[in-house]
Amino acid sequence: MGVFIEHNSAVIFTYDLQKLKENQYKVPGQLVRWTLANGGAGLPCLAPGLFDAMTGRTVELDDIDNVPDDISGTNMLQVWIQSAE
């Protein structure tokens, strides 16, 4: 589909504004949404800790360290710090 990249032995969504404008993220986004809505873990590229954070489950600091995407990991860390206060 051209919207994924390999990063640290995992596959994650790219950050490509041109592909976003061309609506190329729609189908992969729907696939993730459908699997999450039906109780699945989404695409294999979702780290378990990221999935837990997206579904309101408890996230441990070790889970954040295992997120392959640095931006998502940083965002999860910020949420984790805020929820710990």
Protein backbone atom coordinates (compact mmCIF):
# COMPACT_ATOMS: atom_id res chain seq x y z
CA MET A 1 0.00 0.00 0.00
CA GLY A 2 3.01 2.28 0.35
CA VAL A 3 1.96 3.73 3.69
CA PHE A 4 4.17 1.53 5.87
CA ILE A 5 7.88 1.60 6.63
CA GLU A 6 10.11 -0.87 8.42
CA HIS A 7 11.50 0.50 11.68
CA ASN A 8 13.45 -1.53 14.25
CA SER A 9 12.14 -4.87 12.93
CA ALA A 10 8.52 -3.64 13.00
CA VAL A 11 6.26 -2.11 10.40
CA ILE A 12 4.73 1.28 11.19
CA PHE A 13 2.69 3.87 9.33
CA THR A 14 4.67 6.49 7.44
CA TYR A 15 4.26 10.21 7.99
CA ASP A 16 3.66 11.37 4.44
CA LEU A 17 1.42 14.40 3.98
CA GLN A 18 1.20 13.84 0.22
CA LYS A 19 -0.16 10.32 0.77
CA LEU A 20 -2.58 11.75 3.32
CA LYS A 21 -3.82 14.30 0.76
CA GLU A 22 -4.19 11.49 -1.80
CA ASN A 23 -6.32 9.55 0.73
CA GLN A 24 -3.93 6.59 0.69
CA TYR A 25 -4.24 6.08 4.46
CA LYS A 26 -7.99 5.45 4.29
CA VAL A 27 -7.99 1.69 3.61
CA PRO A 28 -5.16 0.82 6.05
CA GLY A 29 -6.86 3.00 8.68
CA GLN A 30 -10.14 1.19 8.13
CA LEU A 31 -8.41 -2.18 8.51
CA VAL A 32 -6.95 -1.11 11.85
CA ARG A 33 -10.29 0.34 12.96
CA TRP A 34 -12.22 -2.80 12.02
CA THR A 35 -9.84 -5.14 13.81
CA LEU A 36 -9.81 -2.95 16.95
CA ALA A 37 -13.61 -2.62 16.93
CA ASN A 38 -13.90 -6.40 16.82
CA GLY A 39 -11.58 -6.98 19.76
CA GLY A 40 -8.46 -7.72 17.78
CA ALA A 41 -5.03 -6.25 18.21
CA GLY A 42 -5.13 -4.34 14.94
CA LEU A 43 -2.28 -4.71 12.52
CA PRO A 44 0.85 -6.49 13.74
CA CYS A 45 2.68 -3.17 13.50
CA LEU A 46 0.89 -1.91 16.61
CA ALA A 47 3.08 -2.45 19.64
CA PRO A 48 1.17 -4.12 22.51
CA GLY A 49 1.81 -1.12 24.77
CA LEU A 50 0.50 1.27 22.14
CA PHE A 51 -2.59 -0.90 21.71
CA ASP A 52 -3.14 -0.87 25.49
CA ALA A 53 -2.82 2.92 25.57
CA MET A 54 -5.26 3.29 22.65
CA THR A 55 -7.84 1.11 24.39
CA GLY A 56 -7.57 2.66 27.85
CA ARG A 57 -5.69 -0.18 29.51
CA THR A 58 -2.90 0.27 32.01
CA VAL A 59 0.46 1.00 30.41
CA GLU A 60 3.73 0.25 32.16
CA LEU A 61 6.97 2.13 31.56
CA ASP A 62 8.51 -1.00 30.00
CA ASP A 63 5.67 -1.04 27.46
CA ILE A 64 6.62 2.45 26.33
CA ASP A 65 10.24 1.43 25.83
CA ASN A 66 9.13 -1.31 23.42
CA VAL A 67 7.17 0.97 21.07
CA PRO A 68 9.06 0.94 17.75
CA ASP A 69 7.99 4.45 16.75
CA ASP A 70 9.89 7.16 18.64
CA ILE A 71 7.15 9.76 18.24
CA SER A 72 4.44 7.44 19.55
CA GLY A 73 6.70 6.36 22.40
CA THR A 74 7.33 9.99 23.39
CA ASN A 75 3.60 10.76 23.27
CA MET A 76 2.82 7.68 25.36
CA LEU A 77 5.45 8.71 27.90
CA GLN A 78 3.88 12.15 28.23
CA VAL A 79 0.44 10.60 28.80
CA TRP A 80 1.94 8.10 31.28
CA ILE A 81 3.58 10.92 33.27
CA GLN A 82 0.33 12.92 33.35
CA SER A 83 -1.71 9.92 34.47
CA ALA A 84 0.79 9.13 37.24
CA GLU A 85 0.39 12.58 38.82
